[in-house]
Amino acid sequence: MPRLRATESGQVYNIDLPELKVTRDTDGIYVLHGRGHFLTFDTREAAFERKKEIEYTTFR
């Protein structure tokens, strides 16, 4: 059974996805979720930068 996390707006995210995803939440924040991660960001650029950092360190 997947682990799920919810934001304050009530949106639910699966943190056990095999790939990292950046999703825009209904309250305007960006959520990076998957592979055990659940991080929120104010900007799309910050979310994708962190996604890139995680993927880089994982695939070295």
PDB file of N, CA and C in Angstrom:
ATOM      1  N   MET A   1       0.845  -1.175   0.000  1.00  0.00           N
ATOM      2  CA  MET A   1       0.000   0.000   0.000  1.00  0.00           C
ATOM      3  C   MET A   1       0.900   1.250   0.000  1.00  0.00           C
ATOM      4  N   PRO A   2       0.644   2.212  -0.888  1.00  0.00           N
ATOM      5  CA  PRO A   2       1.514   3.406  -0.980  1.00  0.00           C
ATOM      6  C   PRO A   2       1.347   4.333   0.223  1.00  0.00           C
ATOM      7  N   ARG A   3       2.432   5.029   0.539  1.00  0.00           N
ATOM      8  CA  ARG A   3       2.374   6.056   1.578  1.00  0.00           C
ATOM      9  C   ARG A   3       1.853   7.332   0.936  1.00  0.00           C
ATOM     10  N   LEU A   4       0.893   7.962   1.595  1.00  0.00           N
ATOM     11  CA  LEU A   4       0.275   9.171   1.074  1.00  0.00           C
ATOM     12  C   LEU A   4       0.494  10.315   2.044  1.00  0.00           C
ATOM     13  N   ARG A   5       0.632  11.533   1.503  1.00  0.00           N
ATOM     14  CA  ARG A   5       0.747  12.745   2.311  1.00  0.00           C
ATOM     15  C   ARG A   5      -0.204  13.778   1.737  1.00  0.00           C
ATOM     16  N   ALA A   6      -0.714  14.636   2.593  1.00  0.00           N
ATOM     17  CA  ALA A   6      -1.658  15.674   2.158  1.00  0.00           C
ATOM     18  C   ALA A   6      -1.101  17.049   2.503  1.00  0.00           C
ATOM     19  N   THR A   7      -1.382  18.007   1.644  1.00  0.00           N
ATOM     20  CA  THR A   7      -1.025  19.397   1.913  1.00  0.00           C
ATOM     21  C   THR A   7      -2.160  20.040   2.708  1.00  0.00           C
ATOM     22  N   GLU A   8      -1.936  21.264   3.153  1.00  0.00           N
ATOM     23  CA  GLU A   8      -2.964  21.968   3.923  1.00  0.00           C
ATOM     24  C   GLU A   8      -4.250  22.177   3.123  1.00  0.00           C
ATOM     25  N   SER A   9      -4.136  22.238   1.802  1.00  0.00           N
ATOM     26  CA  SER A   9      -5.329  22.433   0.973  1.00  0.00           C
ATOM     27  C   SER A   9      -6.151  21.153   0.823  1.00  0.00           C
ATOM     28  N   GLY A  10      -5.594  20.022   1.271  1.00  0.00           N
ATOM     29  CA  GLY A  10      -6.315  18.757   1.181  1.00  0.00           C
ATOM     30  C   GLY A  10      -5.932  17.879   0.008  1.00  0.00           C
ATOM     31  N   GLN A  11      -5.023  18.336  -0.843  1.00  0.00           N
ATOM     32  CA  GLN A  11      -4.569  17.523  -1.958  1.00  0.00           C
ATOM     33  C   GLN A  11      -3.686  16.394  -1.418  1.00  0.00           C
ATOM     34  N   VAL A  12      -3.861  15.195  -1.963  1.00  0.00           N
ATOM     35  CA  VAL A  12      -3.134  14.013  -1.491  1.00  0.00           C
ATOM     36  C   VAL A  12      -2.115  13.594  -2.543  1.00  0.00           C
ATOM     37  N   TYR A  13      -0.902  13.272  -2.071  1.00  0.00           N
ATOM     38  CA  TYR A  13       0.194  12.888  -2.959  1.00  0.00           C
ATOM     39  C   TYR A  13       0.787  11.563  -2.530  1.00  0.00           C
ATOM     40  N   ASN A  14       1.141  10.741  -3.512  1.00  0.00           N
ATOM     41  CA  ASN A  14       1.779   9.451  -3.278  1.00  0.00           C
ATOM     42  C   ASN A  14       3.288   9.679  -3.216  1.00  0.00           C
ATOM     43  N   ILE A  15       3.891   9.435  -2.048  1.00  0.00           N
ATOM     44  CA  ILE A  15       5.335   9.669  -1.943  1.00  0.00           C
ATOM     45  C   ILE A  15       6.143   8.435  -2.337  1.00  0.00           C
ATOM     46  N   ASP A  16       5.481   7.339  -2.669  1.00  0.00           N
ATOM     47  CA  ASP A  16       6.180   6.120  -3.080  1.00  0.00           C
ATOM     48  C   ASP A  16       6.237   5.931  -4.595  1.00  0.00           C
ATOM     49  N   LEU A  17       5.923   6.966  -5.365  1.00  0.00           N
ATOM     50  CA  LEU A  17       6.041   6.844  -6.824  1.00  0.00           C
ATOM     51  C   LEU A  17       7.483   6.510  -7.192  1.00  0.00           C
ATOM     52  N   PRO A  18       7.705   5.701  -8.228  1.00  0.00           N
ATOM     53  CA  PRO A  18       9.079   5.364  -8.624  1.00  0.00           C
ATOM     54  C   PRO A  18       9.838   6.546  -9.229  1.00  0.00           C
ATOM     55  N   GLU A  19       9.133   7.518  -9.767  1.00  0.00           N
ATOM     56  CA  GLU A  19       9.748   8.706 -10.359  1.00  0.00           C
ATOM     57  C   GLU A  19       9.400   9.930  -9.525  1.00  0.00           C
ATOM     58  N   LEU A  20      10.269  10.924  -9.529  1.00  0.00           N
ATOM     59  CA  LEU A  20       9.965  12.196  -8.876  1.00  0.00           C
ATOM     60  C   LEU A  20       9.051  13.011  -9.778  1.00  0.00           C
ATOM     61  N   LYS A  21       8.042  13.626  -9.187  1.00  0.00           N
ATOM     62  CA  LYS A  21       7.125  14.473  -9.938  1.00  0.00           C
ATOM     63  C   LYS A  21       6.990  15.819  -9.240  1.00  0.00           C
ATOM     64  N   VAL A  22       6.814  16.867 -10.031  1.00  0.00           N
ATOM     65  CA  VAL A  22       6.483  18.184  -9.498  1.00  0.00           C
ATOM     66  C   VAL A  22       5.051  18.476  -9.923  1.00  0.00           C
ATOM     67  N   THR A  23       4.200  18.761  -8.935  1.00  0.00           N
ATOM     68  CA  THR A  23       2.791  18.990  -9.181  1.00  0.00           C
ATOM     69  C   THR A  23       2.387  20.319  -8.557  1.00  0.00           C
ATOM     70  N   ARG A  24       1.586  21.103  -9.259  1.00  0.00           N
ATOM     71  CA  ARG A  24       1.096  22.358  -8.694  1.00  0.00           C
ATOM     72  C   ARG A  24      -0.144  22.070  -7.877  1.00  0.00           C
ATOM     73  N   ASP A  25      -0.112  22.471  -6.623  1.00  0.00           N
ATOM     74  CA  ASP A  25      -1.210  22.243  -5.698  1.00  0.00           C
ATOM     75  C   ASP A  25      -2.303  23.280  -5.930  1.00  0.00           C
ATOM     76  N   THR A  26      -3.489  23.019  -5.420  1.00  0.00           N
ATOM     77  CA  THR A  26      -4.601  23.939  -5.630  1.00  0.00           C
ATOM     78  C   THR A  26      -4.401  25.285  -4.943  1.00  0.00           C
ATOM     79  N   ASP A  27      -3.537  25.339  -3.916  1.00  0.00           N
ATOM     80  CA  ASP A  27      -3.292  26.624  -3.253  1.00  0.00           C
ATOM     81  C   ASP A  27      -2.082  27.359  -3.828  1.00  0.00           C
ATOM     82  N   GLY A  28      -1.565  26.887  -4.967  1.00  0.00           N
ATOM     83  CA  GLY A  28      -0.512  27.599  -5.672  1.00  0.00           C
ATOM     84  C   GLY A  28       0.907  27.173  -5.358  1.00  0.00           C
ATOM     85  N   ILE A  29       1.100  26.289  -4.386  1.00  0.00           N
ATOM     86  CA  ILE A  29       2.453  25.810  -4.107  1.00  0.00           C
ATOM     87  C   ILE A  29       2.792  24.674  -5.065  1.00  0.00           C
ATOM     88  N   TYR A  30       4.067  24.360  -5.147  1.00  0.00           N
ATOM     89  CA  TYR A  30       4.527  23.249  -5.974  1.00  0.00           C
ATOM     90  C   TYR A  30       5.011  22.149  -5.055  1.00  0.00           C
ATOM     91  N   VAL A  31       4.598  20.922  -5.343  1.00  0.00           N
ATOM     92  CA  VAL A  31       4.935  19.779  -4.502  1.00  0.00           C
ATOM     93  C   VAL A  31       5.823  18.830  -5.290  1.00  0.00           C
ATOM     94  N   LEU A  32       6.984  18.516  -4.718  1.00  0.00           N
ATOM     95  CA  LEU A  32       7.893  17.512  -5.283  1.00  0.00           C
ATOM     96  C   LEU A  32       7.641  16.234  -4.503  1.00  0.00           C
ATOM     97  N   HIS A  33       7.191  15.187  -5.185  1.00  0.00           N
ATOM     98  CA  HIS A  33       6.841  13.950  -4.498  1.00  0.00           C
ATOM     99  C   HIS A  33       7.272  12.745  -5.318  1.00  0.00           C
ATOM    100  N   GLY A  34       7.468  11.632  -4.606  1.00  0.00           N
ATOM    101  CA  GLY A  34       7.911  10.390  -5.223  1.00  0.00           C
ATOM    102  C   GLY A  34       9.237   9.951  -4.634  1.00  0.00           C
ATOM    103  N   ARG A  35       9.503   8.647  -4.704  1.00  0.00           N
ATOM    104  CA  ARG A  35      10.738   8.044  -4.192  1.00  0.00           C
ATOM    105  C   ARG A  35      11.018   8.456  -2.748  1.00  0.00           C
ATOM    106  N   GLY A  36       9.962   8.543  -1.935  1.00  0.00           N
ATOM    107  CA  GLY A  36      10.107   8.858  -0.518  1.00  0.00           C
ATOM    108  C   GLY A  36      10.163  10.333  -0.187  1.00  0.00           C
ATOM    109  N   HIS A  37      10.041  11.194  -1.188  1.00  0.00           N
ATOM    110  CA  HIS A  37      10.129  12.640  -0.964  1.00  0.00           C
ATOM    111  C   HIS A  37       8.754  13.292  -0.970  1.00  0.00           C
ATOM    112  N   PHE A  38       8.609  14.316  -0.133  1.00  0.00           N
ATOM    113  CA  PHE A  38       7.408  15.149  -0.102  1.00  0.00           C
ATOM    114  C   PHE A  38       7.870  16.539   0.332  1.00  0.00           C
ATOM    115  N   LEU A  39       8.152  17.394  -0.644  1.00  0.00           N
ATOM    116  CA  LEU A  39       8.688  18.726  -0.374  1.00  0.00           C
ATOM    117  C   LEU A  39       7.798  19.762  -1.055  1.00  0.00           C
ATOM    118  N   THR A  40       7.617  20.905  -0.409  1.00  0.00           N
ATOM    119  CA  THR A  40       6.816  21.965  -0.998  1.00  0.00           C
ATOM    120  C   THR A  40       7.684  23.178  -1.299  1.00  0.00           C
ATOM    121  N   PHE A  41       7.329  23.899  -2.363  1.00  0.00           N
ATOM    122  CA  PHE A  41       8.081  25.053  -2.829  1.00  0.00           C
ATOM    123  C   PHE A  41       7.122  26.156  -3.258  1.00  0.00           C
ATOM    124  N   ASP A  42       7.589  27.386  -3.150  1.00  0.00           N
ATOM    125  CA  ASP A  42       6.783  28.528  -3.582  1.00  0.00           C
ATOM    126  C   ASP A  42       6.844  28.747  -5.086  1.00  0.00           C
ATOM    127  N   THR A  43       7.953  28.325  -5.724  1.00  0.00           N
ATOM    128  CA  THR A  43       8.100  28.541  -7.169  1.00  0.00           C
ATOM    129  C   THR A  43       8.378  27.235  -7.893  1.00  0.00           C
ATOM    130  N   ARG A  44       7.969  27.202  -9.143  1.00  0.00           N
ATOM    131  CA  ARG A  44       8.205  26.041  -9.998  1.00  0.00           C
ATOM    132  C   ARG A  44       9.694  25.806 -10.204  1.00  0.00           C
ATOM    133  N   GLU A  45      10.441  26.897 -10.380  1.00  0.00           N
ATOM    134  CA  GLU A  45      11.875  26.795 -10.629  1.00  0.00           C
ATOM    135  C   GLU A  45      12.594  26.143  -9.455  1.00  0.00           C
ATOM    136  N   ALA A  46      12.240  26.527  -8.235  1.00  0.00           N
ATOM    137  CA  ALA A  46      12.868  25.947  -7.047  1.00  0.00           C
ATOM    138  C   ALA A  46      12.561  24.456  -6.946  1.00  0.00           C
ATOM    139  N   ALA A  47      11.339  24.075  -7.260  1.00  0.00           N
ATOM    140  CA  ALA A  47      10.948  22.662  -7.202  1.00  0.00           C
ATOM    141  C   ALA A  47      11.740  21.839  -8.215  1.00  0.00           C
ATOM    142  N   PHE A  48      11.863  22.345  -9.450  1.00  0.00           N
ATOM    143  CA  PHE A  48      12.593  21.594 -10.469  1.00  0.00           C
ATOM    144  C   PHE A  48      14.099  21.585 -10.198  1.00  0.00           C
ATOM    145  N   GLU A  49      14.622  22.632  -9.586  1.00  0.00           N
ATOM    146  CA  GLU A  49      16.037  22.647  -9.217  1.00  0.00           C
ATOM    147  C   GLU A  49      16.321  21.566  -8.177  1.00  0.00           C
ATOM    148  N   ARG A  50      15.465  21.456  -7.173  1.00  0.00           N
ATOM    149  CA  ARG A  50      15.643  20.428  -6.142  1.00  0.00           C
ATOM    150  C   ARG A  50      15.464  19.034  -6.729  1.00  0.00           C
ATOM    151  N   LYS A  51      14.516  18.872  -7.648  1.00  0.00           N
ATOM    152  CA  LYS A  51      14.325  17.588  -8.323  1.00  0.00           C
ATOM    153  C   LYS A  51      15.594  17.176  -9.056  1.00  0.00           C
ATOM    154  N   LYS A  52      16.195  18.130  -9.751  1.00  0.00           N
ATOM    155  CA  LYS A  52      17.429  17.861 -10.491  1.00  0.00           C
ATOM    156  C   LYS A  52      18.555  17.460  -9.539  1.00  0.00           C
ATOM    157  N   GLU A  53      18.664  18.147  -8.390  1.00  0.00           N
ATOM    158  CA  GLU A  53      19.693  17.821  -7.400  1.00  0.00           C
ATOM    159  C   GLU A  53      19.516  16.406  -6.859  1.00  0.00           C
ATOM    160  N   ILE A  54      18.284  16.040  -6.546  1.00  0.00           N
ATOM    161  CA  ILE A  54      18.022  14.702  -6.013  1.00  0.00           C
ATOM    162  C   ILE A  54      18.347  13.639  -7.053  1.00  0.00           C
ATOM    163  N   GLU A  55      17.906  13.860  -8.287  1.00  0.00           N
ATOM    164  CA  GLU A  55      18.180  12.885  -9.345  1.00  0.00           C
ATOM    165  C   GLU A  55      19.674  12.763  -9.611  1.00  0.00           C
ATOM    166  N   TYR A  56      20.402  13.856  -9.561  1.00  0.00           N
ATOM    167  CA  TYR A  56      21.843  13.830  -9.796  1.00  0.00           C
ATOM    168  C   TYR A  56      22.543  12.991  -8.719  1.00  0.00           C
ATOM    169  N   THR A  57      22.196  13.211  -7.459  1.00  0.00           N
ATOM    170  CA  THR A  57      22.864  12.478  -6.388  1.00  0.00           C
ATOM    171  C   THR A  57      22.451  11.014  -6.363  1.00  0.00           C
ATOM    172  N   THR A  58      21.275  10.692  -6.852  1.00  0.00           N
ATOM    173  CA  THR A  58      20.790   9.309  -6.858  1.00  0.00           C
ATOM    174  C   THR A  58      21.445   8.478  -7.950  1.00  0.00           C
ATOM    175  N   PHE A  59      21.702   9.069  -9.109  1.00  0.00           N
ATOM    176  CA  PHE A  59      22.201   8.320 -10.260  1.00  0.00           C
ATOM    177  C   PHE A  59      23.702   8.415 -10.460  1.00  0.00           C
ATOM    178  N   ARG A  60      24.446   8.838  -9.460  1.00  0.00           N
ATOM    179  CA  ARG A  60      25.906   8.937  -9.585  1.00  0.00           C
ATOM    180  C   ARG A  60      26.545   7.594  -9.540  1.00  0.00           C
TER     181      ARG A  60
END
